[in-house]
Amino acid sequence: MLLKRLSLVIGALLLMLAIAACGTGPGSYSSSSTSTSANSSNSGSTSTSSSSNAQDLIHTATAMVGNKSETILTDAKGMTLYYFTPDTSTQTACADACAKKWPPLLAAGASASSSSQLPGTLNAVTTTNGSQVEYNGHLLYRFAKDKAAGQTKGENVNGKWFVATPDLATGSGSSSGYGY
């Protein structure tokens, strides 16, 4: 009798665990399969890369930014990507101690390819941080305080850091701050 009750309880717990693992609730984020590698644009030209991490540098996901749901750019692990308004398209204003809090998205060995999923231009630019990825003229970073995929804790930090979105305006650094 005790064994029968115990097996029912274990079965119910396993069922609840399976249901919880499959569901998404408020505050969650969903990732899409959009991805690309550095040095790509919608020009239609493609080439292969010898680097295994050159593919899948950029993805898109849906996450809460402020109080609204947005399509955002993420790295391969689903971590939110940001841009810094004092940067230019070729020079970072965030290096050394800043880069520890805002790790740059680097493209080790990335080569040209195209992605019809992203409307903008993706490149690898040599900065003091290394071969840094930029999207539409904005260098991309992660935020060290984002601990899980889909978190956007870096949005509007100091009025200079903003979540990067697929429709981020082309520029060489922006003082408007909003990429969507």
C-alpha atoms as a PDB file:
ATOM      1  CA  MET A   1       0.000   0.000   0.000  1.00  0.00           C
ATOM      2  CA  LEU A   2       2.801   2.426   0.928  1.00  0.00           C
ATOM      3  CA  LEU A   3       4.713   1.476  -2.211  1.00  0.00           C
ATOM      4  CA  LYS A   4       1.624   2.146  -4.365  1.00  0.00           C
ATOM      5  CA  ARG A   5       1.115   5.616  -2.835  1.00  0.00           C
ATOM      6  CA  LEU A   6       4.812   6.433  -3.161  1.00  0.00           C
ATOM      7  CA  SER A   7       4.825   5.481  -6.845  1.00  0.00           C
ATOM      8  CA  LEU A   8       1.740   7.688  -7.451  1.00  0.00           C
ATOM      9  CA  VAL A   9       3.417  10.651  -5.742  1.00  0.00           C
ATOM     10  CA  ILE A  10       6.643  10.150  -7.712  1.00  0.00           C
ATOM     11  CA  GLY A  11       4.668   9.822 -10.953  1.00  0.00           C
ATOM     12  CA  ALA A  12       2.762  13.052 -10.226  1.00  0.00           C
ATOM     13  CA  LEU A  13       5.997  14.897  -9.432  1.00  0.00           C
ATOM     14  CA  LEU A  14       7.611  13.693 -12.652  1.00  0.00           C
ATOM     15  CA  LEU A  15       4.562  14.794 -14.647  1.00  0.00           C
ATOM     16  CA  MET A  16       4.614  18.267 -13.061  1.00  0.00           C
ATOM     17  CA  LEU A  17       8.334  18.558 -13.734  1.00  0.00           C
ATOM     18  CA  ALA A  18       7.840  17.634 -17.403  1.00  0.00           C
ATOM     19  CA  ILE A  19       5.010  20.162 -17.797  1.00  0.00           C
ATOM     20  CA  ALA A  20       7.058  22.908 -16.123  1.00  0.00           C
ATOM     21  CA  ALA A  21      10.049  22.199 -18.362  1.00  0.00           C
ATOM     22  CA  CYS A  22       7.950  22.566 -21.523  1.00  0.00           C
ATOM     23  CA  GLY A  23       6.025  25.709 -20.637  1.00  0.00           C
ATOM     24  CA  THR A  24       6.961  29.343 -20.974  1.00  0.00           C
ATOM     25  CA  GLY A  25       5.501  31.852 -18.618  1.00  0.00           C
ATOM     26  CA  PRO A  26       5.512  35.601 -18.105  1.00  0.00           C
ATOM     27  CA  GLY A  27       8.959  37.126 -18.142  1.00  0.00           C
ATOM     28  CA  SER A  28      10.367  34.383 -20.296  1.00  0.00           C
ATOM     29  CA  TYR A  29      11.975  34.912 -23.614  1.00  0.00           C
ATOM     30  CA  SER A  30      11.786  32.984 -26.825  1.00  0.00           C
ATOM     31  CA  SER A  31      14.603  32.558 -29.263  1.00  0.00           C
ATOM     32  CA  SER A  32      14.263  32.292 -33.002  1.00  0.00           C
ATOM     33  CA  SER A  33      16.500  30.496 -35.427  1.00  0.00           C
ATOM     34  CA  THR A  34      17.758  33.655 -37.107  1.00  0.00           C
ATOM     35  CA  SER A  35      21.505  33.646 -37.078  1.00  0.00           C
ATOM     36  CA  THR A  36      24.394  34.947 -39.072  1.00  0.00           C
ATOM     37  CA  SER A  37      28.125  35.433 -38.943  1.00  0.00           C
ATOM     38  CA  ALA A  38      30.187  38.603 -39.026  1.00  0.00           C
ATOM     39  CA  ASN A  39      30.894  40.485 -42.256  1.00  0.00           C
ATOM     40  CA  SER A  40      27.446  39.798 -43.683  1.00  0.00           C
ATOM     41  CA  SER A  41      24.875  41.936 -45.355  1.00  0.00           C
ATOM     42  CA  ASN A  42      21.926  41.386 -47.618  1.00  0.00           C
ATOM     43  CA  SER A  43      24.162  41.716 -50.659  1.00  0.00           C
ATOM     44  CA  GLY A  44      23.680  38.056 -51.498  1.00  0.00           C
ATOM     45  CA  SER A  45      27.364  37.104 -51.490  1.00  0.00           C
ATOM     46  CA  THR A  46      28.418  34.200 -49.357  1.00  0.00           C
ATOM     47  CA  SER A  47      31.608  32.440 -48.444  1.00  0.00           C
ATOM     48  CA  THR A  48      32.571  29.830 -45.924  1.00  0.00           C
ATOM     49  CA  SER A  49      34.643  30.177 -42.804  1.00  0.00           C
ATOM     50  CA  SER A  50      37.262  27.902 -41.306  1.00  0.00           C
ATOM     51  CA  SER A  51      36.216  28.908 -37.802  1.00  0.00           C
ATOM     52  CA  SER A  52      33.497  26.864 -36.131  1.00  0.00           C
ATOM     53  CA  ASN A  53      32.407  29.839 -34.010  1.00  0.00           C
ATOM     54  CA  ALA A  54      32.068  32.150 -37.012  1.00  0.00           C
ATOM     55  CA  GLN A  55      28.572  30.806 -37.629  1.00  0.00           C
ATOM     56  CA  ASP A  56      25.721  31.687 -35.327  1.00  0.00           C
ATOM     57  CA  LEU A  57      27.263  34.858 -33.908  1.00  0.00           C
ATOM     58  CA  ILE A  58      23.979  36.737 -33.964  1.00  0.00           C
ATOM     59  CA  HIS A  59      20.502  35.440 -33.217  1.00  0.00           C
ATOM     60  CA  THR A  60      17.187  37.121 -32.573  1.00  0.00           C
ATOM     61  CA  ALA A  61      14.866  36.548 -29.660  1.00  0.00           C
ATOM     62  CA  THR A  62      11.813  38.123 -28.102  1.00  0.00           C
ATOM     63  CA  ALA A  63      12.320  39.673 -24.671  1.00  0.00           C
ATOM     64  CA  MET A  64      10.880  42.356 -22.428  1.00  0.00           C
ATOM     65  CA  VAL A  65      12.709  45.648 -22.907  1.00  0.00           C
ATOM     66  CA  GLY A  66      11.341  48.088 -20.369  1.00  0.00           C
ATOM     67  CA  ASN A  67       7.639  47.381 -20.366  1.00  0.00           C
ATOM     68  CA  LYS A  68       7.291  46.143 -23.929  1.00  0.00           C
ATOM     69  CA  SER A  69       8.033  42.942 -25.798  1.00  0.00           C
ATOM     70  CA  GLU A  70      10.750  43.448 -28.448  1.00  0.00           C
ATOM     71  CA  THR A  71      12.686  41.424 -30.967  1.00  0.00           C
ATOM     72  CA  ILE A  72      16.300  41.783 -29.867  1.00  0.00           C
ATOM     73  CA  LEU A  73      19.735  40.670 -31.029  1.00  0.00           C
ATOM     74  CA  THR A  74      21.448  38.001 -28.928  1.00  0.00           C
ATOM     75  CA  ASP A  75      24.671  36.043 -29.020  1.00  0.00           C
ATOM     76  CA  ALA A  76      24.751  32.283 -29.631  1.00  0.00           C
ATOM     77  CA  LYS A  77      23.922  31.622 -25.961  1.00  0.00           C
ATOM     78  CA  GLY A  78      20.848  33.870 -26.050  1.00  0.00           C
ATOM     79  CA  MET A  79      22.484  36.686 -24.101  1.00  0.00           C
ATOM     80  CA  THR A  80      21.200  40.150 -25.006  1.00  0.00           C
ATOM     81  CA  LEU A  81      23.428  42.349 -27.147  1.00  0.00           C
ATOM     82  CA  TYR A  82      23.783  46.085 -26.525  1.00  0.00           C
ATOM     83  CA  TYR A  83      25.326  49.107 -28.201  1.00  0.00           C
ATOM     84  CA  PHE A  84      27.034  52.095 -26.585  1.00  0.00           C
ATOM     85  CA  THR A  85      26.152  55.543 -27.946  1.00  0.00           C
ATOM     86  CA  PRO A  86      29.642  57.111 -27.488  1.00  0.00           C
ATOM     87  CA  ASP A  87      31.144  54.476 -29.854  1.00  0.00           C
ATOM     88  CA  THR A  88      31.723  55.099 -33.540  1.00  0.00           C
ATOM     89  CA  SER A  89      31.463  52.364 -36.144  1.00  0.00           C
ATOM     90  CA  THR A  90      35.230  51.827 -35.995  1.00  0.00           C
ATOM     91  CA  GLN A  91      36.278  52.936 -32.496  1.00  0.00           C
ATOM     92  CA  THR A  92      35.114  51.677 -29.143  1.00  0.00           C
ATOM     93  CA  ALA A  93      34.653  54.011 -26.212  1.00  0.00           C
ATOM     94  CA  CYS A  94      34.476  50.921 -23.946  1.00  0.00           C
ATOM     95  CA  ALA A  95      37.751  49.118 -23.273  1.00  0.00           C
ATOM     96  CA  ASP A  96      39.720  47.833 -20.285  1.00  0.00           C
ATOM     97  CA  ALA A  97      37.596  48.160 -17.088  1.00  0.00           C
ATOM     98  CA  CYS A  98      34.503  49.080 -19.098  1.00  0.00           C
ATOM     99  CA  ALA A  99      34.910  45.932 -21.241  1.00  0.00           C
ATOM    100  CA  LYS A 100      34.843  43.808 -18.088  1.00  0.00           C
ATOM    101  CA  LYS A 101      31.337  45.086 -17.287  1.00  0.00           C
ATOM    102  CA  TRP A 102      30.342  45.205 -20.962  1.00  0.00           C
ATOM    103  CA  PRO A 103      32.172  42.323 -22.694  1.00  0.00           C
ATOM    104  CA  PRO A 104      32.453  43.018 -26.424  1.00  0.00           C
ATOM    105  CA  LEU A 105      31.084  40.494 -28.914  1.00  0.00           C
ATOM    106  CA  LEU A 106      34.207  39.319 -30.713  1.00  0.00           C
ATOM    107  CA  ALA A 107      34.361  37.491 -34.043  1.00  0.00           C
ATOM    108  CA  ALA A 108      37.352  35.183 -34.028  1.00  0.00           C
ATOM    109  CA  GLY A 109      38.020  34.181 -37.637  1.00  0.00           C
ATOM    110  CA  ALA A 110      34.614  35.161 -39.007  1.00  0.00           C
ATOM    111  CA  SER A 111      34.229  35.562 -42.735  1.00  0.00           C
ATOM    112  CA  ALA A 112      31.661  36.942 -45.144  1.00  0.00           C
ATOM    113  CA  SER A 113      28.232  35.379 -45.466  1.00  0.00           C
ATOM    114  CA  SER A 114      24.750  36.694 -45.978  1.00  0.00           C
ATOM    115  CA  SER A 115      21.593  36.471 -43.936  1.00  0.00           C
ATOM    116  CA  SER A 116      18.184  37.299 -45.275  1.00  0.00           C
ATOM    117  CA  GLN A 117      16.812  37.251 -41.712  1.00  0.00           C
ATOM    118  CA  LEU A 118      18.610  40.393 -40.564  1.00  0.00           C
ATOM    119  CA  PRO A 119      17.760  43.577 -42.448  1.00  0.00           C
ATOM    120  CA  GLY A 120      21.010  45.333 -41.552  1.00  0.00           C
ATOM    121  CA  THR A 121      24.726  44.944 -42.102  1.00  0.00           C
ATOM    122  CA  LEU A 122      26.915  42.865 -39.828  1.00  0.00           C
ATOM    123  CA  ASN A 123      30.718  43.315 -39.821  1.00  0.00           C
ATOM    124  CA  ALA A 124      33.803  42.512 -37.793  1.00  0.00           C
ATOM    125  CA  VAL A 125      35.823  45.657 -37.021  1.00  0.00           C
ATOM    126  CA  THR A 126      39.269  45.774 -35.422  1.00  0.00           C
ATOM    127  CA  THR A 127      39.068  47.798 -32.187  1.00  0.00           C
ATOM    128  CA  THR A 128      41.214  47.909 -29.051  1.00  0.00           C
ATOM    129  CA  ASN A 129      39.033  45.002 -27.856  1.00  0.00           C
ATOM    130  CA  GLY A 130      39.946  42.816 -30.855  1.00  0.00           C
ATOM    131  CA  SER A 131      37.851  41.845 -33.876  1.00  0.00           C
ATOM    132  CA  GLN A 132      34.573  43.247 -32.561  1.00  0.00           C
ATOM    133  CA  VAL A 133      31.202  42.613 -34.177  1.00  0.00           C
ATOM    134  CA  GLU A 134      29.178  45.617 -35.261  1.00  0.00           C
ATOM    135  CA  TYR A 135      25.643  45.783 -36.598  1.00  0.00           C
ATOM    136  CA  ASN A 136      24.561  48.742 -38.750  1.00  0.00           C
ATOM    137  CA  GLY A 137      27.608  50.702 -37.573  1.00  0.00           C
ATOM    138  CA  HIS A 138      27.099  49.984 -33.857  1.00  0.00           C
ATOM    139  CA  LEU A 139      29.657  47.869 -31.961  1.00  0.00           C
ATOM    140  CA  LEU A 140      27.974  45.100 -29.953  1.00  0.00           C
ATOM    141  CA  TYR A 141      28.450  44.120 -26.304  1.00  0.00           C
ATOM    142  CA  ARG A 142      26.953  41.879 -23.630  1.00  0.00           C
ATOM    143  CA  PHE A 143      26.205  43.107 -20.089  1.00  0.00           C
ATOM    144  CA  ALA A 144      27.900  41.282 -17.202  1.00  0.00           C
ATOM    145  CA  LYS A 145      24.834  41.718 -14.953  1.00  0.00           C
ATOM    146  CA  ASP A 146      22.642  39.776 -17.399  1.00  0.00           C
ATOM    147  CA  LYS A 147      22.917  36.287 -15.914  1.00  0.00           C
ATOM    148  CA  ALA A 148      20.352  34.457 -18.065  1.00  0.00           C
ATOM    149  CA  ALA A 149      19.265  34.458 -21.672  1.00  0.00           C
ATOM    150  CA  GLY A 150      16.706  37.148 -22.427  1.00  0.00           C
ATOM    151  CA  GLN A 151      17.578  39.467 -19.534  1.00  0.00           C
ATOM    152  CA  THR A 152      17.833  43.138 -20.522  1.00  0.00           C
ATOM    153  CA  LYS A 153      19.251  44.707 -17.347  1.00  0.00           C
ATOM    154  CA  GLY A 154      21.610  46.882 -19.401  1.00  0.00           C
ATOM    155  CA  GLU A 155      18.847  48.808 -21.172  1.00  0.00           C
ATOM    156  CA  ASN A 156      19.327  52.578 -20.750  1.00  0.00           C
ATOM    157  CA  VAL A 157      22.216  52.242 -18.271  1.00  0.00           C
ATOM    158  CA  ASN A 158      23.618  55.754 -17.804  1.00  0.00           C
ATOM    159  CA  GLY A 159      21.453  56.826 -20.730  1.00  0.00           C
ATOM    160  CA  LYS A 160      24.146  55.437 -23.076  1.00  0.00           C
ATOM    161  CA  TRP A 161      23.648  51.665 -23.282  1.00  0.00           C
ATOM    162  CA  PHE A 162      20.747  50.227 -25.252  1.00  0.00           C
ATOM    163  CA  VAL A 163      19.454  46.857 -26.383  1.00  0.00           C
ATOM    164  CA  ALA A 164      20.336  46.160 -30.019  1.00  0.00           C
ATOM    165  CA  THR A 165      17.409  45.236 -32.257  1.00  0.00           C
ATOM    166  CA  PRO A 166      17.263  44.017 -35.870  1.00  0.00           C
ATOM    167  CA  ASP A 167      15.919  47.415 -36.972  1.00  0.00           C
ATOM    168  CA  LEU A 168      18.720  49.376 -35.260  1.00  0.00           C
ATOM    169  CA  ALA A 169      19.244  52.559 -37.267  1.00  0.00           C
ATOM    170  CA  THR A 170      22.390  52.732 -39.364  1.00  0.00           C
ATOM    171  CA  GLY A 171      24.950  55.091 -37.923  1.00  0.00           C
ATOM    172  CA  SER A 172      28.385  55.517 -36.480  1.00  0.00           C
ATOM    173  CA  GLY A 173      27.248  55.872 -32.923  1.00  0.00           C
ATOM    174  CA  SER A 174      24.002  57.499 -31.954  1.00  0.00           C
ATOM    175  CA  SER A 175      23.071  60.090 -29.406  1.00  0.00           C
ATOM    176  CA  SER A 176      19.347  59.346 -29.646  1.00  0.00           C
ATOM    177  CA  GLY A 177      19.825  56.145 -27.719  1.00  0.00           C
ATOM    178  CA  TYR A 178      16.945  54.114 -29.061  1.00  0.00           C
ATOM    179  CA  GLY A 179      17.608  51.304 -31.487  1.00  0.00           C
ATOM    180  CA  TYR A 180      14.016  50.392 -32.054  1.00  0.00           C
END
